[in-house]
Amino acid sequence: MSASTILVVEDDNIVRMLIVDVLEELEYKVLEAEDGDKALTFLGNEDQKIHLMMTDQGLPGMTGTELAVEARKLRPALPVLFASGYSEIIEVPAGMHSIGKPFSIDQLRDKVKNILEQA
């Protein structure tokens, strides 16, 4: 079985790097985007397999929720995981997931594994 591909959308370079490092250590293939436009470029490429999009809520240009809505237009079944320091107050659209920042490596691993198993 080939590794699942996760699209990480995070405008903070350090946070994005840390998330990518953790996911790669867990043997996922990772695509990186610093904003919604870059993420939508990946999502619009039909040849690019993406099994999960993990996005920050506070992005330049559009919110994570707005990105998720656009992403679902391109890929209706795409699982979405919001990572936010305000996870308890953001509205998570139906069928999507959230994880509060800061999160531990174990929390991230378990959450991602769980979502991918359900997909």
PDB file of N, CA and C in Angstrom:
ATOM      1  N   MET A   1       0.837  -1.190   0.000  1.00  0.00           N
ATOM      2  CA  MET A   1       0.000   0.000   0.000  1.00  0.00           C
ATOM      3  C   MET A   1       0.879   1.250   0.000  1.00  0.00           C
ATOM      4  N   SER A   2       0.600   2.160  -0.915  1.00  0.00           N
ATOM      5  CA  SER A   2       1.412   3.373  -0.949  1.00  0.00           C
ATOM      6  C   SER A   2       0.951   4.332   0.145  1.00  0.00           C
ATOM      7  N   ALA A   3       1.838   5.220   0.508  1.00  0.00           N
ATOM      8  CA  ALA A   3       1.541   6.160   1.588  1.00  0.00           C
ATOM      9  C   ALA A   3       0.421   7.110   1.179  1.00  0.00           C
ATOM     10  N   SER A   4      -0.402   7.471   2.141  1.00  0.00           N
ATOM     11  CA  SER A   4      -1.437   8.473   1.886  1.00  0.00           C
ATOM     12  C   SER A   4      -0.777   9.833   1.708  1.00  0.00           C
ATOM     13  N   THR A   5      -1.388  10.663   0.871  1.00  0.00           N
ATOM     14  CA  THR A   5      -0.873  12.009   0.627  1.00  0.00           C
ATOM     15  C   THR A   5      -1.724  13.015   1.387  1.00  0.00           C
ATOM     16  N   ILE A   6      -1.052  13.876   2.140  1.00  0.00           N
ATOM     17  CA  ILE A   6      -1.729  14.900   2.943  1.00  0.00           C
ATOM     18  C   ILE A   6      -1.289  16.277   2.458  1.00  0.00           C
ATOM     19  N   LEU A   7      -2.261  17.118   2.169  1.00  0.00           N
ATOM     20  CA  LEU A   7      -2.001  18.504   1.787  1.00  0.00           C
ATOM     21  C   LEU A   7      -2.075  19.348   3.059  1.00  0.00           C
ATOM     22  N   VAL A   8      -0.953  19.977   3.415  1.00  0.00           N
ATOM     23  CA  VAL A   8      -0.886  20.817   4.612  1.00  0.00           C
ATOM     24  C   VAL A   8      -0.921  22.285   4.188  1.00  0.00           C
ATOM     25  N   VAL A   9      -1.939  23.003   4.663  1.00  0.00           N
ATOM     26  CA  VAL A   9      -2.101  24.419   4.323  1.00  0.00           C
ATOM     27  C   VAL A   9      -1.923  25.233   5.602  1.00  0.00           C
ATOM     28  N   GLU A  10      -0.827  25.967   5.659  1.00  0.00           N
ATOM     29  CA  GLU A  10      -0.471  26.708   6.884  1.00  0.00           C
ATOM     30  C   GLU A  10       0.415  27.874   6.467  1.00  0.00           C
ATOM     31  N   ASP A  11       0.018  29.106   6.855  1.00  0.00           N
ATOM     32  CA  ASP A  11       0.790  30.272   6.418  1.00  0.00           C
ATOM     33  C   ASP A  11       2.019  30.543   7.281  1.00  0.00           C
ATOM     34  N   ASP A  12       2.071  29.985   8.476  1.00  0.00           N
ATOM     35  CA  ASP A  12       3.245  30.162   9.336  1.00  0.00           C
ATOM     36  C   ASP A  12       4.292  29.118   8.943  1.00  0.00           C
ATOM     37  N   ASN A  13       5.418  29.589   8.388  1.00  0.00           N
ATOM     38  CA  ASN A  13       6.444  28.682   7.857  1.00  0.00           C
ATOM     39  C   ASN A  13       6.954  27.682   8.888  1.00  0.00           C
ATOM     40  N   ILE A  14       7.168  28.149  10.120  1.00  0.00           N
ATOM     41  CA  ILE A  14       7.723  27.272  11.161  1.00  0.00           C
ATOM     42  C   ILE A  14       6.708  26.200  11.552  1.00  0.00           C
ATOM     43  N   VAL A  15       5.465  26.617  11.754  1.00  0.00           N
ATOM     44  CA  VAL A  15       4.414  25.662  12.116  1.00  0.00           C
ATOM     45  C   VAL A  15       4.234  24.640  10.987  1.00  0.00           C
ATOM     46  N   ARG A  16       4.197  25.143   9.737  1.00  0.00           N
ATOM     47  CA  ARG A  16       4.028  24.246   8.593  1.00  0.00           C
ATOM     48  C   ARG A  16       5.179  23.239   8.530  1.00  0.00           C
ATOM     49  N   MET A  17       6.387  23.717   8.737  1.00  0.00           N
ATOM     50  CA  MET A  17       7.565  22.842   8.694  1.00  0.00           C
ATOM     51  C   MET A  17       7.472  21.749   9.766  1.00  0.00           C
ATOM     52  N   LEU A  18       7.040  22.125  10.959  1.00  0.00           N
ATOM     53  CA  LEU A  18       6.916  21.149  12.043  1.00  0.00           C
ATOM     54  C   LEU A  18       5.868  20.087  11.721  1.00  0.00           C
ATOM     55  N   ILE A  19       4.708  20.527  11.216  1.00  0.00           N
ATOM     56  CA  ILE A  19       3.644  19.580  10.859  1.00  0.00           C
ATOM     57  C   ILE A  19       4.122  18.634   9.759  1.00  0.00           C
ATOM     58  N   VAL A  20       4.762  19.207   8.744  1.00  0.00           N
ATOM     59  CA  VAL A  20       5.268  18.402   7.620  1.00  0.00           C
ATOM     60  C   VAL A  20       6.285  17.381   8.121  1.00  0.00           C
ATOM     61  N   ASP A  21       7.205  17.816   8.986  1.00  0.00           N
ATOM     62  CA  ASP A  21       8.213  16.899   9.535  1.00  0.00           C
ATOM     63  C   ASP A  21       7.565  15.728  10.262  1.00  0.00           C
ATOM     64  N   VAL A  22       6.567  16.031  11.087  1.00  0.00           N
ATOM     65  CA  VAL A  22       5.886  14.981  11.847  1.00  0.00           C
ATOM     66  C   VAL A  22       5.193  14.011  10.894  1.00  0.00           C
ATOM     67  N   LEU A  23       4.453  14.542   9.930  1.00  0.00           N
ATOM     68  CA  LEU A  23       3.715  13.678   8.999  1.00  0.00           C
ATOM     69  C   LEU A  23       4.654  12.830   8.146  1.00  0.00           C
ATOM     70  N   GLU A  24       5.781  13.427   7.728  1.00  0.00           N
ATOM     71  CA  GLU A  24       6.748  12.662   6.931  1.00  0.00           C
ATOM     72  C   GLU A  24       7.392  11.560   7.777  1.00  0.00           C
ATOM     73  N   GLU A  25       7.631  11.866   9.049  1.00  0.00           N
ATOM     74  CA  GLU A  25       8.174  10.859   9.955  1.00  0.00           C
ATOM     75  C   GLU A  25       7.202   9.689  10.124  1.00  0.00           C
ATOM     76  N   LEU A  26       5.908   9.996  10.039  1.00  0.00           N
ATOM     77  CA  LEU A  26       4.870   8.969  10.121  1.00  0.00           C
ATOM     78  C   LEU A  26       4.656   8.292   8.761  1.00  0.00           C
ATOM     79  N   GLU A  27       5.517   8.635   7.812  1.00  0.00           N
ATOM     80  CA  GLU A  27       5.556   8.023   6.476  1.00  0.00           C
ATOM     81  C   GLU A  27       4.385   8.393   5.572  1.00  0.00           C
ATOM     82  N   TYR A  28       3.867   9.613   5.766  1.00  0.00           N
ATOM     83  CA  TYR A  28       2.895  10.141   4.816  1.00  0.00           C
ATOM     84  C   TYR A  28       3.646  10.945   3.772  1.00  0.00           C
ATOM     85  N   LYS A  29       3.080  11.025   2.588  1.00  0.00           N
ATOM     86  CA  LYS A  29       3.594  11.922   1.557  1.00  0.00           C
ATOM     87  C   LYS A  29       2.918  13.267   1.818  1.00  0.00           C
ATOM     88  N   VAL A  30       3.676  14.351   1.795  1.00  0.00           N
ATOM     89  CA  VAL A  30       3.111  15.647   2.172  1.00  0.00           C
ATOM     90  C   VAL A  30       3.297  16.683   1.068  1.00  0.00           C
ATOM     91  N   LEU A  31       2.219  17.390   0.773  1.00  0.00           N
ATOM     92  CA  LEU A  31       2.255  18.551  -0.111  1.00  0.00           C
ATOM     93  C   LEU A  31       2.085  19.772   0.779  1.00  0.00           C
ATOM     94  N   GLU A  32       2.813  20.845   0.467  1.00  0.00           N
ATOM     95  CA  GLU A  32       2.756  22.047   1.305  1.00  0.00           C
ATOM     96  C   GLU A  32       2.196  23.234   0.548  1.00  0.00           C
ATOM     97  N   ALA A  33       1.319  23.969   1.213  1.00  0.00           N
ATOM     98  CA  ALA A  33       0.804  25.218   0.652  1.00  0.00           C
ATOM     99  C   ALA A  33       0.768  26.259   1.755  1.00  0.00           C
ATOM    100  N   GLU A  34       1.178  27.487   1.406  1.00  0.00           N
ATOM    101  CA  GLU A  34       1.181  28.546   2.426  1.00  0.00           C
ATOM    102  C   GLU A  34      -0.111  29.360   2.396  1.00  0.00           C
ATOM    103  N   ASP A  35      -0.977  29.100   1.403  1.00  0.00           N
ATOM    104  CA  ASP A  35      -2.255  29.817   1.350  1.00  0.00           C
ATOM    105  C   ASP A  35      -3.273  29.016   0.541  1.00  0.00           C
ATOM    106  N   GLY A  36      -4.488  29.503   0.546  1.00  0.00           N
ATOM    107  CA  GLY A  36      -5.582  28.810  -0.120  1.00  0.00           C
ATOM    108  C   GLY A  36      -5.379  28.672  -1.614  1.00  0.00           C
ATOM    109  N   ASP A  37      -4.842  29.717  -2.252  1.00  0.00           N
ATOM    110  CA  ASP A  37      -4.651  29.666  -3.707  1.00  0.00           C
ATOM    111  C   ASP A  37      -3.712  28.537  -4.099  1.00  0.00           C
ATOM    112  N   LYS A  38      -2.609  28.410  -3.369  1.00  0.00           N
ATOM    113  CA  LYS A  38      -1.645  27.342  -3.654  1.00  0.00           C
ATOM    114  C   LYS A  38      -2.299  25.974  -3.403  1.00  0.00           C
ATOM    115  N   ALA A  39      -3.079  25.879  -2.330  1.00  0.00           N
ATOM    116  CA  ALA A  39      -3.776  24.626  -2.028  1.00  0.00           C
ATOM    117  C   ALA A  39      -4.734  24.255  -3.152  1.00  0.00           C
ATOM    118  N   LEU A  40      -5.472  25.239  -3.655  1.00  0.00           N
ATOM    119  CA  LEU A  40      -6.446  24.967  -4.720  1.00  0.00           C
ATOM    120  C   LEU A  40      -5.753  24.552  -6.017  1.00  0.00           C
ATOM    121  N   THR A  41      -4.520  25.026  -6.231  1.00  0.00           N
ATOM    122  CA  THR A  41      -3.744  24.586  -7.393  1.00  0.00           C
ATOM    123  C   THR A  41      -3.479  23.089  -7.304  1.00  0.00           C
ATOM    124  N   PHE A  42      -3.043  22.625  -6.119  1.00  0.00           N
ATOM    125  CA  PHE A  42      -2.842  21.184  -5.912  1.00  0.00           C
ATOM    126  C   PHE A  42      -4.159  20.424  -6.109  1.00  0.00           C
ATOM    127  N   LEU A  43      -5.227  20.940  -5.505  1.00  0.00           N
ATOM    128  CA  LEU A  43      -6.520  20.258  -5.533  1.00  0.00           C
ATOM    129  C   LEU A  43      -7.105  20.205  -6.945  1.00  0.00           C
ATOM    130  N   GLY A  44      -6.785  21.223  -7.746  1.00  0.00           N
ATOM    131  CA  GLY A  44      -7.296  21.281  -9.116  1.00  0.00           C
ATOM    132  C   GLY A  44      -6.574  20.354 -10.075  1.00  0.00           C
ATOM    133  N   ASN A  45      -5.427  19.827  -9.665  1.00  0.00           N
ATOM    134  CA  ASN A  45      -4.649  18.906 -10.497  1.00  0.00           C
ATOM    135  C   ASN A  45      -5.200  17.497 -10.294  1.00  0.00           C
ATOM    136  N   GLU A  46      -5.954  17.018 -11.273  1.00  0.00           N
ATOM    137  CA  GLU A  46      -6.626  15.718 -11.126  1.00  0.00           C
ATOM    138  C   GLU A  46      -5.644  14.550 -11.046  1.00  0.00           C
ATOM    139  N   ASP A  47      -4.433  14.749 -11.517  1.00  0.00           N
ATOM    140  CA  ASP A  47      -3.426  13.671 -11.453  1.00  0.00           C
ATOM    141  C   ASP A  47      -2.812  13.532 -10.064  1.00  0.00           C
ATOM    142  N   GLN A  48      -3.028  14.549  -9.229  1.00  0.00           N
ATOM    143  CA  GLN A  48      -2.440  14.557  -7.894  1.00  0.00           C
ATOM    144  C   GLN A  48      -3.382  13.893  -6.895  1.00  0.00           C
ATOM    145  N   LYS A  49      -2.959  12.754  -6.356  1.00  0.00           N
ATOM    146  CA  LYS A  49      -3.763  12.089  -5.317  1.00  0.00           C
ATOM    147  C   LYS A  49      -3.621  12.878  -4.016  1.00  0.00           C
ATOM    148  N   ILE A  50      -4.735  13.143  -3.361  1.00  0.00           N
ATOM    149  CA  ILE A  50      -4.714  13.779  -2.034  1.00  0.00           C
ATOM    150  C   ILE A  50      -5.744  13.050  -1.185  1.00  0.00           C
ATOM    151  N   HIS A  51      -5.300  12.504  -0.057  1.00  0.00           N
ATOM    152  CA  HIS A  51      -6.181  11.711   0.795  1.00  0.00           C
ATOM    153  C   HIS A  51      -6.756  12.510   1.962  1.00  0.00           C
ATOM    154  N   LEU A  52      -6.101  13.640   2.281  1.00  0.00           N
ATOM    155  CA  LEU A  52      -6.540  14.468   3.408  1.00  0.00           C
ATOM    156  C   LEU A  52      -5.968  15.862   3.228  1.00  0.00           C
ATOM    157  N   MET A  53      -6.787  16.878   3.518  1.00  0.00           N
ATOM    158  CA  MET A  53      -6.271  18.248   3.564  1.00  0.00           C
ATOM    159  C   MET A  53      -6.314  18.700   5.010  1.00  0.00           C
ATOM    160  N   MET A  54      -5.173  19.124   5.514  1.00  0.00           N
ATOM    161  CA  MET A  54      -5.084  19.688   6.864  1.00  0.00           C
ATOM    162  C   MET A  54      -4.825  21.177   6.699  1.00  0.00           C
ATOM    163  N   THR A  55      -5.723  22.000   7.212  1.00  0.00           N
ATOM    164  CA  THR A  55      -5.584  23.434   7.001  1.00  0.00           C
ATOM    165  C   THR A  55      -5.721  24.235   8.284  1.00  0.00           C
ATOM    166  N   ASP A  56      -4.958  25.314   8.326  1.00  0.00           N
ATOM    167  CA  ASP A  56      -5.093  26.306   9.387  1.00  0.00           C
ATOM    168  C   ASP A  56      -6.393  27.055   9.126  1.00  0.00           C
ATOM    169  N   GLN A  57      -6.997  27.616  10.145  1.00  0.00           N
ATOM    170  CA  GLN A  57      -8.218  28.391   9.946  1.00  0.00           C
ATOM    171  C   GLN A  57      -7.882  29.807   9.474  1.00  0.00           C
ATOM    172  N   GLY A  58      -6.827  30.399  10.056  1.00  0.00           N
ATOM    173  CA  GLY A  58      -6.467  31.773   9.713  1.00  0.00           C
ATOM    174  C   GLY A  58      -5.438  31.802   8.598  1.00  0.00           C
ATOM    175  N   LEU A  59      -5.912  31.943   7.361  1.00  0.00           N
ATOM    176  CA  LEU A  59      -5.011  31.992   6.204  1.00  0.00           C
ATOM    177  C   LEU A  59      -5.128  33.357   5.543  1.00  0.00           C
ATOM    178  N   PRO A  60      -4.064  33.792   4.847  1.00  0.00           N
ATOM    179  CA  PRO A  60      -4.180  35.060   4.107  1.00  0.00           C
ATOM    180  C   PRO A  60      -5.130  34.873   2.921  1.00  0.00           C
ATOM    181  N   GLY A  61      -6.027  35.807   2.715  1.00  0.00           N
ATOM    182  CA  GLY A  61      -6.890  35.766   1.534  1.00  0.00           C
ATOM    183  C   GLY A  61      -8.218  35.050   1.733  1.00  0.00           C
ATOM    184  N   MET A  62      -8.216  33.916   2.415  1.00  0.00           N
ATOM    185  CA  MET A  62      -9.460  33.186   2.676  1.00  0.00           C
ATOM    186  C   MET A  62      -9.289  32.393   3.957  1.00  0.00           C
ATOM    187  N   THR A  63     -10.402  32.104   4.616  1.00  0.00           N
ATOM    188  CA  THR A  63     -10.310  31.299   5.839  1.00  0.00           C
ATOM    189  C   THR A  63     -10.166  29.825   5.470  1.00  0.00           C
ATOM    190  N   GLY A  64      -9.778  29.031   6.435  1.00  0.00           N
ATOM    191  CA  GLY A  64      -9.705  27.595   6.221  1.00  0.00           C
ATOM    192  C   GLY A  64     -11.057  27.021   5.832  1.00  0.00           C
ATOM    193  N   THR A  65     -12.130  27.571   6.425  1.00  0.00           N
ATOM    194  CA  THR A  65     -13.480  27.102   6.104  1.00  0.00           C
ATOM    195  C   THR A  65     -13.821  27.402   4.646  1.00  0.00           C
ATOM    196  N   GLU A  66     -13.486  28.619   4.193  1.00  0.00           N
ATOM    197  CA  GLU A  66     -13.737  28.978   2.788  1.00  0.00           C
ATOM    198  C   GLU A  66     -12.938  28.072   1.855  1.00  0.00           C
ATOM    199  N   LEU A  67     -11.699  27.796   2.235  1.00  0.00           N
ATOM    200  CA  LEU A  67     -10.868  26.890   1.444  1.00  0.00           C
ATOM    201  C   LEU A  67     -11.500  25.503   1.381  1.00  0.00           C
ATOM    202  N   ALA A  68     -11.984  25.025   2.528  1.00  0.00           N
ATOM    203  CA  ALA A  68     -12.594  23.689   2.575  1.00  0.00           C
ATOM    204  C   ALA A  68     -13.811  23.604   1.652  1.00  0.00           C
ATOM    205  N   VAL A  69     -14.613  24.664   1.627  1.00  0.00           N
ATOM    206  CA  VAL A  69     -15.794  24.692   0.753  1.00  0.00           C
ATOM    207  C   VAL A  69     -15.360  24.595  -0.713  1.00  0.00           C
ATOM    208  N   GLU A  70     -14.329  25.381  -1.087  1.00  0.00           N
ATOM    209  CA  GLU A  70     -13.818  25.328  -2.454  1.00  0.00           C
ATOM    210  C   GLU A  70     -13.202  23.966  -2.768  1.00  0.00           C
ATOM    211  N   ALA A  71     -12.478  23.422  -1.795  1.00  0.00           N
ATOM    212  CA  ALA A  71     -11.833  22.119  -1.975  1.00  0.00           C
ATOM    213  C   ALA A  71     -12.875  21.037  -2.250  1.00  0.00           C
ATOM    214  N   ARG A  72     -13.988  21.106  -1.521  1.00  0.00           N
ATOM    215  CA  ARG A  72     -15.041  20.100  -1.678  1.00  0.00           C
ATOM    216  C   ARG A  72     -15.741  20.216  -3.041  1.00  0.00           C
ATOM    217  N   LYS A  73     -15.711  21.420  -3.632  1.00  0.00           N
ATOM    218  CA  LYS A  73     -16.277  21.564  -4.988  1.00  0.00           C
ATOM    219  C   LYS A  73     -15.416  20.776  -5.976  1.00  0.00           C
ATOM    220  N   LEU A  74     -14.099  20.795  -5.750  1.00  0.00           N
ATOM    221  CA  LEU A  74     -13.168  20.090  -6.633  1.00  0.00           C
ATOM    222  C   LEU A  74     -13.100  18.601  -6.307  1.00  0.00           C
ATOM    223  N   ARG A  75     -13.157  18.292  -5.017  1.00  0.00           N
ATOM    224  CA  ARG A  75     -13.033  16.903  -4.543  1.00  0.00           C
ATOM    225  C   ARG A  75     -14.072  16.661  -3.451  1.00  0.00           C
ATOM    226  N   PRO A  76     -15.273  16.279  -3.857  1.00  0.00           N
ATOM    227  CA  PRO A  76     -16.389  16.184  -2.909  1.00  0.00           C
ATOM    228  C   PRO A  76     -16.154  15.259  -1.711  1.00  0.00           C
ATOM    229  N   ALA A  77     -15.329  14.239  -1.864  1.00  0.00           N
ATOM    230  CA  ALA A  77     -15.143  13.277  -0.771  1.00  0.00           C
ATOM    231  C   ALA A  77     -13.898  13.561   0.074  1.00  0.00           C
ATOM    232  N   LEU A  78     -13.212  14.664  -0.205  1.00  0.00           N
ATOM    233  CA  LEU A  78     -11.944  14.941   0.484  1.00  0.00           C
ATOM    234  C   LEU A  78     -12.142  15.167   1.980  1.00  0.00           C
ATOM    235  N   PRO A  79     -11.475  14.357   2.830  1.00  0.00           N
ATOM    236  CA  PRO A  79     -11.523  14.639   4.265  1.00  0.00           C
ATOM    237  C   PRO A  79     -10.723  15.918   4.567  1.00  0.00           C
ATOM    238  N   VAL A  80     -11.247  16.723   5.480  1.00  0.00           N
ATOM    239  CA  VAL A  80     -10.585  17.979   5.853  1.00  0.00           C
ATOM    240  C   VAL A  80     -10.388  18.002   7.364  1.00  0.00           C
ATOM    241  N   LEU A  81      -9.176  18.377   7.762  1.00  0.00           N
ATOM    242  CA  LEU A  81      -8.838  18.528   9.180  1.00  0.00           C
ATOM    243  C   LEU A  81      -8.413  19.968   9.414  1.00  0.00           C
ATOM    244  N   PHE A  82      -9.161  20.681  10.248  1.00  0.00           N
ATOM    245  CA  PHE A  82      -8.788  22.049  10.614  1.00  0.00           C
ATOM    246  C   PHE A  82      -7.875  22.011  11.821  1.00  0.00           C
ATOM    247  N   ALA A  83      -6.785  22.769  11.742  1.00  0.00           N
ATOM    248  CA  ALA A  83      -5.907  22.935  12.897  1.00  0.00           C
ATOM    249  C   ALA A  83      -6.031  24.394  13.315  1.00  0.00           C
ATOM    250  N   SER A  84      -6.455  24.617  14.544  1.00  0.00           N
ATOM    251  CA  SER A  84      -6.685  25.994  14.967  1.00  0.00           C
ATOM    252  C   SER A  84      -6.448  26.159  16.450  1.00  0.00           C
ATOM    253  N   GLY A  85      -5.919  27.311  16.805  1.00  0.00           N
ATOM    254  CA  GLY A  85      -5.772  27.662  18.207  1.00  0.00           C
ATOM    255  C   GLY A  85      -7.126  27.948  18.828  1.00  0.00           C
ATOM    256  N   TYR A  86      -8.145  28.063  17.962  1.00  0.00           N
ATOM    257  CA  TYR A  86      -9.494  28.381  18.439  1.00  0.00           C
ATOM    258  C   TYR A  86     -10.454  27.268  18.052  1.00  0.00           C
ATOM    259  N   SER A  87      -9.987  26.021  18.091  1.00  0.00           N
ATOM    260  CA  SER A  87     -10.800  24.924  17.553  1.00  0.00           C
ATOM    261  C   SER A  87     -12.144  24.785  18.248  1.00  0.00           C
ATOM    262  N   GLU A  88     -12.234  25.236  19.501  1.00  0.00           N
ATOM    263  CA  GLU A  88     -13.513  25.069  20.198  1.00  0.00           C
ATOM    264  C   GLU A  88     -14.546  26.096  19.740  1.00  0.00           C
ATOM    265  N   ILE A  89     -14.110  27.170  19.072  1.00  0.00           N
ATOM    266  CA  ILE A  89     -15.095  28.172  18.640  1.00  0.00           C
ATOM    267  C   ILE A  89     -15.302  28.221  17.134  1.00  0.00           C
ATOM    268  N   ILE A  90     -14.464  27.536  16.351  1.00  0.00           N
ATOM    269  CA  ILE A  90     -14.712  27.567  14.912  1.00  0.00           C
ATOM    270  C   ILE A  90     -15.820  26.588  14.567  1.00  0.00           C
ATOM    271  N   GLU A  91     -16.568  26.948  13.551  1.00  0.00           N
ATOM    272  CA  GLU A  91     -17.624  26.058  13.067  1.00  0.00           C
ATOM    273  C   GLU A  91     -16.969  25.066  12.125  1.00  0.00           C
ATOM    274  N   VAL A  92     -17.094  23.795  12.438  1.00  0.00           N
ATOM    275  CA  VAL A  92     -16.531  22.768  11.574  1.00  0.00           C
ATOM    276  C   VAL A  92     -17.653  22.222  10.704  1.00  0.00           C
ATOM    277  N   PRO A  93     -17.562  22.429   9.386  1.00  0.00           N
ATOM    278  CA  PRO A  93     -18.625  21.932   8.510  1.00  0.00           C
ATOM    279  C   PRO A  93     -18.817  20.420   8.660  1.00  0.00           C
ATOM    280  N   ALA A  94     -20.005  19.956   8.343  1.00  0.00           N
ATOM    281  CA  ALA A  94     -20.345  18.540   8.461  1.00  0.00           C
ATOM    282  C   ALA A  94     -19.334  17.681   7.708  1.00  0.00           C
ATOM    283  N   GLY A  95     -18.956  16.586   8.326  1.00  0.00           N
ATOM    284  CA  GLY A  95     -18.043  15.659   7.673  1.00  0.00           C
ATOM    285  C   GLY A  95     -16.593  16.099   7.716  1.00  0.00           C
ATOM    286  N   MET A  96     -16.297  17.176   8.443  1.00  0.00           N
ATOM    287  CA  MET A  96     -14.922  17.648   8.574  1.00  0.00           C
ATOM    288  C   MET A  96     -14.501  17.533  10.035  1.00  0.00           C
ATOM    289  N   HIS A  97     -13.220  17.677  10.283  1.00  0.00           N
ATOM    290  CA  HIS A  97     -12.661  17.422  11.606  1.00  0.00           C
ATOM    291  C   HIS A  97     -11.825  18.614  12.057  1.00  0.00           C
ATOM    292  N   SER A  98     -11.552  18.687  13.371  1.00  0.00           N
ATOM    293  CA  SER A  98     -10.643  19.739  13.843  1.00  0.00           C
ATOM    294  C   SER A  98      -9.741  19.196  14.938  1.00  0.00           C
ATOM    295  N   ILE A  99      -8.589  19.850  15.052  1.00  0.00           N
ATOM    296  CA  ILE A  99      -7.634  19.534  16.114  1.00  0.00           C
ATOM    297  C   ILE A  99      -7.151  20.876  16.661  1.00  0.00           C
ATOM    298  N   GLY A 100      -7.094  20.987  17.979  1.00  0.00           N
ATOM    299  CA  GLY A 100      -6.696  22.248  18.593  1.00  0.00           C
ATOM    300  C   GLY A 100      -5.190  22.417  18.613  1.00  0.00           C
ATOM    301  N   LYS A 101      -4.737  23.640  18.317  1.00  0.00           N
ATOM    302  CA  LYS A 101      -3.314  23.964  18.460  1.00  0.00           C
ATOM    303  C   LYS A 101      -3.113  24.489  19.868  1.00  0.00           C
ATOM    304  N   PRO A 102      -2.021  24.247  20.523  1.00  0.00           N
ATOM    305  CA  PRO A 102      -0.977  23.314  20.074  1.00  0.00           C
ATOM    306  C   PRO A 102      -1.419  21.871  20.297  1.00  0.00           C
ATOM    307  N   PHE A 103      -0.966  20.977  19.426  1.00  0.00           N
ATOM    308  CA  PHE A 103      -1.279  19.562  19.578  1.00  0.00           C
ATOM    309  C   PHE A 103       0.024  18.790  19.666  1.00  0.00           C
ATOM    310  N   SER A 104      -0.048  17.631  20.288  1.00  0.00           N
ATOM    311  CA  SER A 104       1.148  16.793  20.405  1.00  0.00           C
ATOM    312  C   SER A 104       1.298  15.947  19.147  1.00  0.00           C
ATOM    313  N   ILE A 105       2.471  15.402  18.958  1.00  0.00           N
ATOM    314  CA  ILE A 105       2.725  14.501  17.834  1.00  0.00           C
ATOM    315  C   ILE A 105       1.759  13.320  17.897  1.00  0.00           C
ATOM    316  N   ASP A 106       1.537  12.790  19.097  1.00  0.00           N
ATOM    317  CA  ASP A 106       0.633  11.652  19.258  1.00  0.00           C
ATOM    318  C   ASP A 106      -0.805  12.018  18.889  1.00  0.00           C
ATOM    319  N   GLN A 107      -1.243  13.203  19.306  1.00  0.00           N
ATOM    320  CA  GLN A 107      -2.605  13.643  18.977  1.00  0.00           C
ATOM    321  C   GLN A 107      -2.763  13.759  17.459  1.00  0.00           C
ATOM    322  N   LEU A 108      -1.753  14.352  16.812  1.00  0.00           N
ATOM    323  CA  LEU A 108      -1.817  14.528  15.362  1.00  0.00           C
ATOM    324  C   LEU A 108      -1.827  13.162  14.669  1.00  0.00           C
ATOM    325  N   ARG A 109      -0.938  12.282  15.090  1.00  0.00           N
ATOM    326  CA  ARG A 109      -0.853  10.944  14.489  1.00  0.00           C
ATOM    327  C   ARG A 109      -2.193  10.218  14.604  1.00  0.00           C
ATOM    328  N   ASP A 110      -2.765  10.222  15.816  1.00  0.00           N
ATOM    329  CA  ASP A 110      -4.019   9.502  16.054  1.00  0.00           C
ATOM    330  C   ASP A 110      -5.169  10.092  15.243  1.00  0.00           C
ATOM    331  N   LYS A 111      -5.226  11.420  15.200  1.00  0.00           N
ATOM    332  CA  LYS A 111      -6.312  12.107  14.481  1.00  0.00           C
ATOM    333  C   LYS A 111      -6.238  11.784  12.989  1.00  0.00           C
ATOM    334  N   VAL A 112      -5.051  11.922  12.417  1.00  0.00           N
ATOM    335  CA  VAL A 112      -4.864  11.683  10.979  1.00  0.00           C
ATOM    336  C   VAL A 112      -5.171  10.226  10.636  1.00  0.00           C
ATOM    337  N   LYS A 113      -4.656   9.320  11.435  1.00  0.00           N
ATOM    338  CA  LYS A 113      -4.866   7.889  11.207  1.00  0.00           C
ATOM    339  C   LYS A 113      -6.368   7.571  11.242  1.00  0.00           C
ATOM    340  N   ASN A 114      -7.043   8.113  12.236  1.00  0.00           N
ATOM    341  CA  ASN A 114      -8.463   7.919  12.407  1.00  0.00           C
ATOM    342  C   ASN A 114      -9.267   8.414  11.191  1.00  0.00           C
ATOM    343  N   ILE A 115      -8.951   9.628  10.732  1.00  0.00           N
ATOM    344  CA  ILE A 115      -9.660  10.215   9.591  1.00  0.00           C
ATOM    345  C   ILE A 115      -9.429   9.380   8.341  1.00  0.00           C
ATOM    346  N   LEU A 116      -8.189   8.976   8.107  1.00  0.00           N
ATOM    347  CA  LEU A 116      -7.866   8.219   6.903  1.00  0.00           C
ATOM    348  C   LEU A 116      -8.509   6.825   6.932  1.00  0.00           C
ATOM    349  N   GLU A 117      -8.633   6.249   8.111  1.00  0.00           N
ATOM    350  CA  GLU A 117      -9.293   4.944   8.223  1.00  0.00           C
ATOM    351  C   GLU A 117     -10.792   5.042   7.926  1.00  0.00           C
ATOM    352  N   GLN A 118     -11.402   6.177   8.287  1.00  0.00           N
ATOM    353  CA  GLN A 118     -12.829   6.380   8.021  1.00  0.00           C
ATOM    354  C   GLN A 118     -13.105   6.670   6.553  1.00  0.00           C
ATOM    355  N   ALA A 119     -12.127   7.251   5.871  1.00  0.00           N
ATOM    356  CA  ALA A 119     -12.336   7.726   4.486  1.00  0.00           C
ATOM    357  C   ALA A 119     -12.549   6.562   3.521  1.00  0.00           C
TER     358      ALA A 119
END
